[in-house]
Each structure stands twice: as structure tokens, then as C-alpha cells.
């Protein structure tokens, strides 16, 4: 009887470990090999990594002077309906999300626990107060702004002083509020879906939800080449008049970030997908060319243009290693270290945390 009990107990322990740890932690956006590689470069003061690290520490130190902006109801009306309220509530969550992410990353790279504690302050402020999102833009802004919160939690998951009761309270907020917003919008036709899927794969990684990861992979595969035309333009985004170049970037940023999380979590490489003449690389090249030649943009006269210091520089910096694209490097290298600290969080620290498919190279 005792031997049978021990056999059952051993099986349950194995089953628990399988369920609880489907993926490596930390992982997803910042796998262990990436973190270890960056720490070696920081120790050797290798450039541009060392300057990017000092930039991060500056951001994390500044976070210690910021207040929390948690709301019980994250109410975000449509921008053209109530722009003042839209900006106010969005900006507060975005500030907290970026600060949580920057501090968690600073903790992983420096080992200084003060950054972990600062990050937890932002995470728990929202977990303890926020119960829902609402109004027209509520789910979208929650999804694209909250990615920083989820990446921060992933980086802190093994921090021993994060109390299990607090961690579970944060997970409840993720399941009941953040992930809900992501799944609500991930079947839309435009960039809303892309941000919903990115948030969803981050949650799948954090919570070890294999079925959730699988469903998001299916969704990405199901419509990627409906989003990208033969010449590389993205019809749902180029139609956005003066902001067509921006929205092309705003779609490609979460698509590529989702693919990076999928690769790091499952090993499946979606970056190489093609459909005849269509490919993700062609969409990136389209953005790359026309952002530099907006006078040739046929979708709208005098469109808004990005820069190597901001968007789409952060995206192209990240994709330079994925696709081995020296032309992307040439575009951004004088702007390094790149940091994108506002509005949305996909490629926020692309110089410091390079996106690679093989960290042994």
C-alpha cells in the first residue's frame, strides 16, 4: 500500500511539473540564452550593448520617482470621441507598464533586487485595483500597452521574494482582465488582432498555456498572407490615409514579436513562411523603402514618416539579425542604442536585447 502511494505521489509530482512548466522561464521575449549572452557583453563592456545597458539603468532609476496610475476601470474612449480622456488613461497605464518592464529587465541583467521590487510595485498596483477595461478603445489599449506588464512578470517569475499569494493575484488579473482583452480582439482583420495575439502568446508563455499558444500560432498562420499583398503592402493598414506608414509598422511590430515568442517558446520558426510571392520579409522591405521615400507612397499624399531613432528604427534593428539584413543595420546604426519607451511595447530595447534565432553564433 505504501509503495503504491509513493508511486501515485511520484506520478502526480511529474504531472504537476509538466503542467506548471510547459516552457522555460524566463523565456518568451527574453529567453535565458539571450539574457546570458547580453550579460557577458555588459561585463566585457562590449558596444553598443554597454551603452544600451546604461540607457536601461537610467530608465529603471527614473522609474523609482514615478507614481502608480492604476485604475479600477481602465476606461479608454475612442480617440476621436474623447481625446483628453483617451490620452490621460492610456498614458498612465503605458508609463506603469514600461517602468515595470524596464525595472524587471534591469534586475535580470544587474542582479540588483531594488529593480525587482520596483517592478513588482507597478505590477501589484494594477493587480490589486484594476478589475476591468471599458469603452471603445479599452481592449486595444489594454492589449498593446500591457505587453510590458506581462514581459516584466515573466522576467520576475523566479524572483524568490515575489510572494506566492501576490503572484497568484497578479495571475488572476492576467487571466480575468489582460488576457481577456487580448482574446477579445485577436480575430479582427487589422493591427488590433496582431496586438491581441502578441499579448496572448506572452500570456501563454507566462502561464504555461500550451493550448493558448497553439491557437495563436494557428491564427497567425491563418491570415498572414491576407494581411500582406504580393508587393509587400498591408491593405488594412495602408488605407489609414496620412498614417498608413505608421500603421504598417504598428501591425508588423506585434506580428514579428509574436513570432519571436513562438520561436523561443516552441522552436517553430514562422519568420520563414511564404505564400507565392508573399513573405513577411517583403512587408518589412516595403516599410523600410517607403518610410525613406514617402514621396513615392501611392496611398496618400505626404504621409507621416518615421525615423531610425524611433519607429520603425526599433523594428528594423530587431529584424536585422533575424533576416541578416545589412541594409537595416545601415539605417539604424548611427542611432544606437535604440529604445522605444512609449505607447506600446514590442521592440522596446532592440539594441540591448538583440533578436536572434541562434545565440551560439
Protein backbone atom coordinates (compact mmCIF):
# COMPACT_ATOMS: atom_id res chain seq x y z
CA UNK A 1 0.00 0.00 0.00
CA UNK A 2 2.82 2.42 0.95
CA UNK A 3 4.70 1.62 -2.27
CA UNK A 4 1.53 2.24 -4.28
CA UNK A 5 1.00 5.57 -2.51
CA UNK A 6 4.55 6.68 -3.32
CA UNK A 7 4.09 5.65 -6.96
CA UNK A 8 0.93 7.74 -7.21
CA UNK A 9 2.62 10.68 -5.47
CA UNK A 10 5.59 10.47 -7.83
CA UNK A 11 3.24 10.46 -10.82
CA UNK A 12 1.37 13.49 -9.51
CA UNK A 13 4.62 15.40 -8.98
CA UNK A 14 5.69 14.63 -12.54
CA UNK A 15 2.27 15.65 -13.83
CA UNK A 16 2.36 18.91 -11.86
CA UNK A 17 5.79 19.77 -13.22
CA UNK A 18 4.66 19.04 -16.75
CA UNK A 19 1.59 21.22 -16.40
CA UNK A 20 3.27 24.02 -14.46
CA UNK A 21 6.39 24.31 -16.58
CA UNK A 22 5.48 23.78 -20.20
CA UNK A 23 8.01 26.48 -21.18
CA UNK A 24 11.41 27.64 -19.97
CA UNK A 25 11.33 30.62 -17.59
CA UNK A 26 12.40 33.30 -18.11
CA UNK A 27 11.55 32.85 -21.75
CA UNK A 28 9.30 34.13 -24.47
CA UNK A 29 10.54 37.56 -25.43
CA UNK A 30 13.74 37.20 -23.40
CA UNK A 31 14.98 33.60 -23.24
CA UNK A 32 17.73 32.54 -20.87
CA UNK A 33 20.33 32.29 -23.64
CA UNK A 34 19.64 35.87 -24.71
CA UNK A 35 19.97 37.16 -21.15
CA UNK A 36 23.21 35.23 -20.59
CA UNK A 37 24.66 36.47 -23.88
CA UNK A 38 23.84 40.10 -23.05
CA UNK A 39 25.26 39.83 -19.53
CA UNK A 40 28.59 38.64 -20.97
CA UNK A 41 28.68 41.61 -23.33
CA UNK A 42 27.89 44.00 -20.49
CA UNK A 43 30.68 42.54 -18.36
CA UNK A 44 33.12 42.96 -21.25
CA UNK A 45 31.75 46.49 -21.91
CA UNK A 46 31.09 45.48 -25.49
CA UNK A 47 29.45 48.11 -27.67
CA UNK A 48 26.75 49.05 -28.43
CA UNK A 49 25.47 46.73 -25.69
CA UNK A 50 27.15 48.54 -22.80
CA UNK A 51 25.75 51.94 -23.77
CA UNK A 52 22.31 50.34 -24.21
CA UNK A 53 22.61 48.81 -20.74
CA UNK A 54 23.45 52.18 -19.19
CA UNK A 55 20.44 53.61 -21.02
CA UNK A 56 18.24 50.90 -19.48
CA UNK A 57 19.58 51.53 -15.98
CA UNK A 58 18.82 55.22 -16.41
CA UNK A 59 15.21 54.36 -17.29
CA UNK A 60 14.92 51.95 -14.35
CA UNK A 61 16.35 54.50 -11.93
CA UNK A 62 13.87 57.10 -13.17
CA UNK A 63 11.02 54.66 -12.55
CA UNK A 64 11.72 54.92 -8.82
CA UNK A 65 10.48 58.51 -8.92
CA UNK A 66 7.21 57.69 -10.71
CA UNK A 67 3.82 57.20 -9.08
CA UNK A 68 1.41 54.39 -9.94
CA UNK A 69 -1.55 55.06 -12.22
CA UNK A 70 -3.75 52.00 -11.60
CA UNK A 71 -7.47 52.36 -12.27
CA UNK A 72 -10.33 50.10 -11.16
CA UNK A 73 -11.92 50.63 -14.58
CA UNK A 74 -9.45 51.19 -17.40
CA UNK A 75 -11.85 53.29 -19.44
CA UNK A 76 -10.46 54.37 -22.81
CA UNK A 77 -12.92 56.09 -25.15
CA UNK A 78 -12.22 56.35 -28.85
CA UNK A 79 -9.53 58.91 -29.58
CA UNK A 80 -11.78 60.98 -31.86
CA UNK A 81 -14.64 60.84 -29.34
CA UNK A 82 -12.85 61.97 -26.16
CA UNK A 83 -9.16 62.57 -26.92
CA UNK A 84 -8.34 64.04 -23.49
CA UNK A 85 -9.63 61.02 -21.53
CA UNK A 86 -8.14 58.64 -24.10
CA UNK A 87 -4.68 60.17 -23.69
CA UNK A 88 -4.87 60.50 -19.89
CA UNK A 89 -5.85 56.93 -19.08
CA UNK A 90 -3.70 55.40 -21.80
CA UNK A 91 -0.60 57.35 -20.75
CA UNK A 92 -0.88 56.29 -17.11
CA UNK A 93 -1.02 52.58 -17.90
CA UNK A 94 1.72 52.91 -20.52
CA UNK A 95 4.01 54.66 -18.05
CA UNK A 96 3.49 51.93 -15.45
CA UNK A 97 3.88 49.16 -17.98
CA UNK A 98 7.15 50.48 -19.37
CA UNK A 99 8.54 51.14 -15.88
CA UNK A 100 7.65 47.61 -14.76
CA UNK A 101 9.32 46.14 -17.85
CA UNK A 102 12.46 48.30 -17.66
CA UNK A 103 12.95 47.54 -13.97
CA UNK A 104 12.42 43.80 -14.41
CA UNK A 105 14.93 43.71 -17.25
CA UNK A 106 17.39 45.78 -15.18
CA UNK A 107 17.03 43.22 -12.39
CA UNK A 108 17.74 40.30 -14.71
CA UNK A 109 20.84 41.95 -16.16
CA UNK A 110 22.25 43.57 -12.99
CA UNK A 111 21.04 41.23 -10.24
CA UNK A 112 20.11 44.26 -8.13
CA UNK A 113 16.97 43.38 -6.17
CA UNK A 114 15.87 47.01 -5.87
CA UNK A 115 14.82 46.86 -9.51
CA UNK A 116 12.78 43.71 -8.94
CA UNK A 117 10.98 45.38 -6.04
CA UNK A 118 10.25 48.48 -8.10
CA UNK A 119 8.86 46.38 -10.92
CA UNK A 120 6.65 44.42 -8.53
CA UNK A 121 5.25 47.68 -7.22
CA UNK A 122 3.85 48.55 -10.64
CA UNK A 123 2.60 45.01 -11.30
CA UNK A 124 0.81 44.69 -7.99
CA UNK A 125 -0.69 48.18 -8.14
CA UNK A 126 -2.70 47.04 -11.16
CA UNK A 127 -3.34 43.53 -9.87
CA UNK A 128 -4.73 44.91 -6.61
CA UNK A 129 -7.01 47.58 -8.12
CA UNK A 130 -7.83 47.03 -11.78
CA UNK A 131 -10.91 44.90 -12.40
CA UNK A 132 -11.83 45.67 -15.99
CA UNK A 133 -11.34 47.71 -19.13
CA UNK A 134 -14.14 49.52 -20.91
CA UNK A 135 -15.22 51.84 -23.71
CA UNK A 136 -14.38 51.69 -27.42
CA UNK A 137 -10.57 51.57 -27.24
CA UNK A 138 -10.32 49.85 -23.86
CA UNK A 139 -9.43 46.34 -25.10
CA UNK A 140 -6.96 47.55 -27.73
CA UNK A 141 -5.06 49.93 -25.47
CA UNK A 142 -5.05 47.36 -22.66
CA UNK A 143 -3.62 44.77 -25.06
CA UNK A 144 -0.85 46.82 -26.66
CA UNK A 145 0.13 48.75 -23.52
CA UNK A 146 0.01 45.79 -21.15
CA UNK A 147 2.59 43.71 -23.00
CA UNK A 148 5.24 45.40 -20.84
CA UNK A 149 3.47 44.13 -17.71
CA UNK A 150 3.47 40.54 -18.94
CA UNK A 151 7.11 40.63 -20.04
CA UNK A 152 8.02 42.09 -16.64
CA UNK A 153 6.19 39.28 -14.84
CA UNK A 154 7.99 36.68 -16.96
CA UNK A 155 11.35 38.22 -16.03
CA UNK A 156 10.39 38.20 -12.33
CA UNK A 157 8.73 34.79 -12.26
CA UNK A 158 11.65 33.17 -10.44
CA UNK A 159 12.29 36.11 -8.09
CA UNK A 160 12.10 34.46 -4.67
CA UNK A 161 10.71 37.49 -2.84
CA UNK A 162 7.63 37.69 -5.06
CA UNK A 163 5.18 36.18 -2.59
CA UNK A 164 3.17 33.29 -3.98
CA UNK A 165 -0.08 34.96 -2.87
CA UNK A 166 0.85 38.16 -4.71
CA UNK A 167 2.00 36.24 -7.76
CA UNK A 168 -1.29 34.38 -7.93
CA UNK A 169 -3.20 37.65 -7.51
CA UNK A 170 -1.29 39.03 -10.49
CA UNK A 171 -2.05 35.87 -12.48
CA UNK A 172 -5.75 36.33 -11.69
CA UNK A 173 -5.54 39.85 -13.14
CA UNK A 174 -3.78 38.48 -16.22
CA UNK A 175 -6.43 35.82 -16.76
CA UNK A 176 -9.50 37.91 -15.95
CA UNK A 177 -8.54 41.27 -17.42
CA UNK A 178 -5.44 41.38 -19.62
CA UNK A 179 -5.76 38.06 -21.45
CA UNK A 180 -9.49 38.68 -21.83
CA UNK A 181 -8.76 41.91 -23.71
CA UNK A 182 -6.31 40.11 -25.99
CA UNK A 183 -8.60 37.23 -26.89
CA UNK A 184 -11.45 39.68 -27.47
CA UNK A 185 -9.60 41.40 -30.33
CA UNK A 186 -7.29 38.74 -31.77
CA UNK A 187 -9.65 37.73 -34.58
CA UNK A 188 -10.01 41.24 -36.00
CA UNK A 189 -8.70 41.93 -39.51
CA UNK A 190 -6.16 44.65 -38.81
CA UNK A 191 -3.50 45.55 -36.24
CA UNK A 192 -5.99 45.01 -33.39
CA UNK A 193 -5.67 41.28 -34.00
CA UNK A 194 -1.88 41.47 -34.14
CA UNK A 195 -1.68 43.11 -30.72
CA UNK A 196 -4.23 40.69 -29.31
CA UNK A 197 -2.16 37.75 -30.49
CA UNK A 198 1.10 39.15 -29.18
CA UNK A 199 -0.45 39.70 -25.77
CA UNK A 200 -1.95 36.22 -25.90
CA UNK A 201 1.33 34.44 -26.68
CA UNK A 202 3.05 36.36 -23.88
CA UNK A 203 0.33 35.16 -21.51
CA UNK A 204 0.59 31.62 -22.83
CA UNK A 205 4.33 31.67 -22.10
CA UNK A 206 3.86 33.19 -18.63
CA UNK A 207 1.00 30.91 -17.57
CA UNK A 208 2.21 27.79 -19.42
CA UNK A 209 -0.97 27.62 -21.51
CA UNK A 210 0.03 25.35 -24.38
CA UNK A 211 -3.44 25.36 -25.92
CA UNK A 212 -3.43 29.17 -25.95
CA UNK A 213 -0.04 29.20 -27.66
CA UNK A 214 -1.24 26.70 -30.25
CA UNK A 215 -4.35 28.72 -31.03
CA UNK A 216 -2.37 31.91 -31.57
CA UNK A 217 0.05 30.12 -33.89
CA UNK A 218 -2.96 28.90 -35.87
CA UNK A 219 -4.37 32.42 -36.06
CA UNK A 220 -1.08 33.90 -37.29
CA UNK A 221 -0.81 31.25 -40.00
CA UNK A 222 -4.46 31.62 -40.98
CA UNK A 223 -4.34 35.20 -42.22
CA UNK A 224 -0.74 36.41 -42.50
CA UNK A 225 -0.94 36.41 -46.28
CA UNK A 226 -4.33 38.07 -46.30
CA UNK A 227 -2.64 40.90 -44.42
CA UNK A 228 0.35 41.08 -46.82
CA UNK A 229 -0.14 41.71 -50.57
CA UNK A 230 2.14 40.41 -53.33
CA UNK A 231 4.20 43.61 -53.39
CA UNK A 232 4.52 43.70 -49.59
CA UNK A 233 1.98 46.40 -48.72
CA UNK A 234 -0.60 45.72 -46.00
CA UNK A 235 -4.06 46.71 -47.29
CA UNK A 236 -5.71 47.03 -43.87
CA UNK A 237 -3.01 49.47 -42.78
CA UNK A 238 -2.14 51.46 -45.94
CA UNK A 239 -5.75 52.62 -46.09
CA UNK A 240 -5.22 54.69 -42.95
CA UNK A 241 -4.60 57.83 -45.03
CA UNK A 242 -1.85 60.06 -43.58
CA UNK A 243 -0.84 57.41 -41.05
CA UNK A 244 -0.55 54.46 -43.45
CA UNK A 245 3.20 54.03 -42.95
CA UNK A 246 2.80 54.23 -39.17
CA UNK A 247 0.02 51.63 -39.14
CA UNK A 248 2.07 49.32 -41.35
CA UNK A 249 4.77 49.47 -38.69
CA UNK A 250 2.14 49.16 -35.95
CA UNK A 251 0.98 45.86 -37.45
CA UNK A 252 4.42 44.42 -38.22
CA UNK A 253 5.80 45.15 -34.74
CA UNK A 254 3.42 42.77 -32.89
CA UNK A 255 3.41 40.20 -35.72
CA UNK A 256 7.19 39.85 -35.56
CA UNK A 257 7.25 39.95 -31.75
CA UNK A 258 4.64 37.17 -31.63
CA UNK A 259 6.76 35.09 -33.96
CA UNK A 260 9.81 35.64 -31.78
CA UNK A 261 7.96 34.49 -28.66
CA UNK A 262 6.62 31.46 -30.55
CA UNK A 263 10.11 30.52 -31.71
CA UNK A 264 11.66 30.89 -28.26
CA UNK A 265 8.83 29.00 -26.58
CA UNK A 266 8.16 26.20 -29.07
CA UNK A 267 11.01 26.18 -31.60
CA UNK A 268 8.62 26.77 -34.51
CA UNK A 269 10.01 29.32 -36.98
CA UNK A 270 7.24 31.42 -38.53
CA UNK A 271 9.65 34.03 -39.92
CA UNK A 272 10.31 31.87 -42.98
CA UNK A 273 6.66 31.47 -44.01
CA UNK A 274 5.90 32.28 -47.66
CA UNK A 275 2.92 32.11 -49.98
CA UNK A 276 3.99 32.51 -53.57
CA UNK A 277 5.47 36.00 -53.82
CA UNK A 278 4.27 36.97 -50.36
CA UNK A 279 6.51 36.96 -47.30
CA UNK A 280 6.96 38.80 -44.05
CA UNK A 281 10.38 39.99 -45.21
CA UNK A 282 8.78 41.60 -48.25
CA UNK A 283 6.39 43.52 -45.97
CA UNK A 284 9.33 44.70 -43.87
CA UNK A 285 11.21 45.75 -47.00
CA UNK A 286 8.15 47.66 -48.20
CA UNK A 287 8.01 49.56 -44.92
CA UNK A 288 11.77 50.10 -44.99
CA UNK A 289 11.76 51.58 -48.51
CA UNK A 290 8.70 53.80 -48.36
CA UNK A 291 9.46 55.19 -44.93
CA UNK A 292 12.58 56.63 -46.57
CA UNK A 293 10.74 57.61 -49.78
CA UNK A 294 7.34 58.89 -48.58
CA UNK A 295 7.00 60.95 -51.77
CA UNK A 296 6.55 57.63 -53.63
CA UNK A 297 3.83 56.38 -51.26
CA UNK A 298 0.83 55.92 -53.55
CA UNK A 299 -1.78 55.52 -50.84
CA UNK A 300 -1.84 59.10 -49.56
CA UNK A 301 0.00 62.32 -50.30
CA UNK A 302 2.60 63.44 -47.72
CA UNK A 303 2.18 60.57 -45.23
CA UNK A 304 3.64 60.73 -41.76
CA UNK A 305 7.16 59.34 -41.69
CA UNK A 306 9.16 57.53 -39.02
CA UNK A 307 12.86 57.72 -38.25
CA UNK A 308 15.81 55.49 -37.34
CA UNK A 309 15.77 56.89 -33.79
CA UNK A 310 12.15 55.88 -33.15
CA UNK A 311 9.75 53.79 -35.22
CA UNK A 312 10.37 51.93 -37.50
CA UNK A 313 14.02 52.01 -36.36
CA UNK A 314 13.27 49.82 -33.34
CA UNK A 315 11.57 47.17 -35.50
CA UNK A 316 14.27 47.19 -38.17
CA UNK A 317 17.00 46.94 -35.52
CA UNK A 318 15.29 43.81 -34.20
CA UNK A 319 14.74 42.27 -37.63
CA UNK A 320 18.29 42.93 -38.87
CA UNK A 321 19.58 39.84 -37.06
CA UNK A 322 16.57 37.68 -37.83
CA UNK A 323 16.91 38.17 -41.58
CA UNK A 324 20.60 39.02 -41.85
CA UNK A 325 19.74 42.40 -43.38
CA UNK A 326 22.77 44.75 -43.50
CA UNK A 327 20.62 47.46 -45.05
CA UNK A 328 18.55 47.59 -41.85
CA UNK A 329 21.75 47.87 -39.83
CA UNK A 330 22.94 50.73 -42.01
CA UNK A 331 19.67 52.55 -41.37
CA UNK A 332 19.84 52.36 -37.56
CA UNK A 333 23.47 52.01 -36.50
CA UNK A 334 24.13 55.73 -36.03
CA UNK A 335 21.05 55.92 -33.79
CA UNK A 336 22.16 53.21 -31.37
CA UNK A 337 21.34 52.46 -28.68
CA UNK A 338 17.68 52.41 -29.66
CA UNK A 339 14.95 52.48 -27.04
CA UNK A 340 11.21 52.83 -27.65
CA UNK A 341 9.70 53.78 -24.26
CA UNK A 342 6.17 54.88 -25.06
CA UNK A 343 2.70 53.89 -26.23
CA UNK A 344 3.25 50.18 -26.97
CA UNK A 345 5.85 47.59 -26.09
CA UNK A 346 7.06 45.04 -28.61
CA UNK A 347 10.61 46.04 -29.55
CA UNK A 348 11.43 48.44 -26.72
CA UNK A 349 15.11 47.55 -26.23
CA UNK A 350 16.24 46.13 -29.59
CA UNK A 351 19.89 47.20 -29.31
CA UNK A 352 20.33 45.87 -25.79
CA UNK A 353 18.34 42.65 -26.31
CA UNK A 354 19.06 41.56 -29.90
CA UNK A 355 16.56 39.21 -31.50
CA UNK A 356 18.41 36.12 -32.67
CA UNK A 357 17.35 32.64 -33.64
CA UNK A 358 20.68 31.16 -32.56
CA UNK A 359 22.66 32.67 -29.69
CA UNK A 360 25.57 30.30 -30.29
CA UNK A 361 26.56 32.34 -33.36
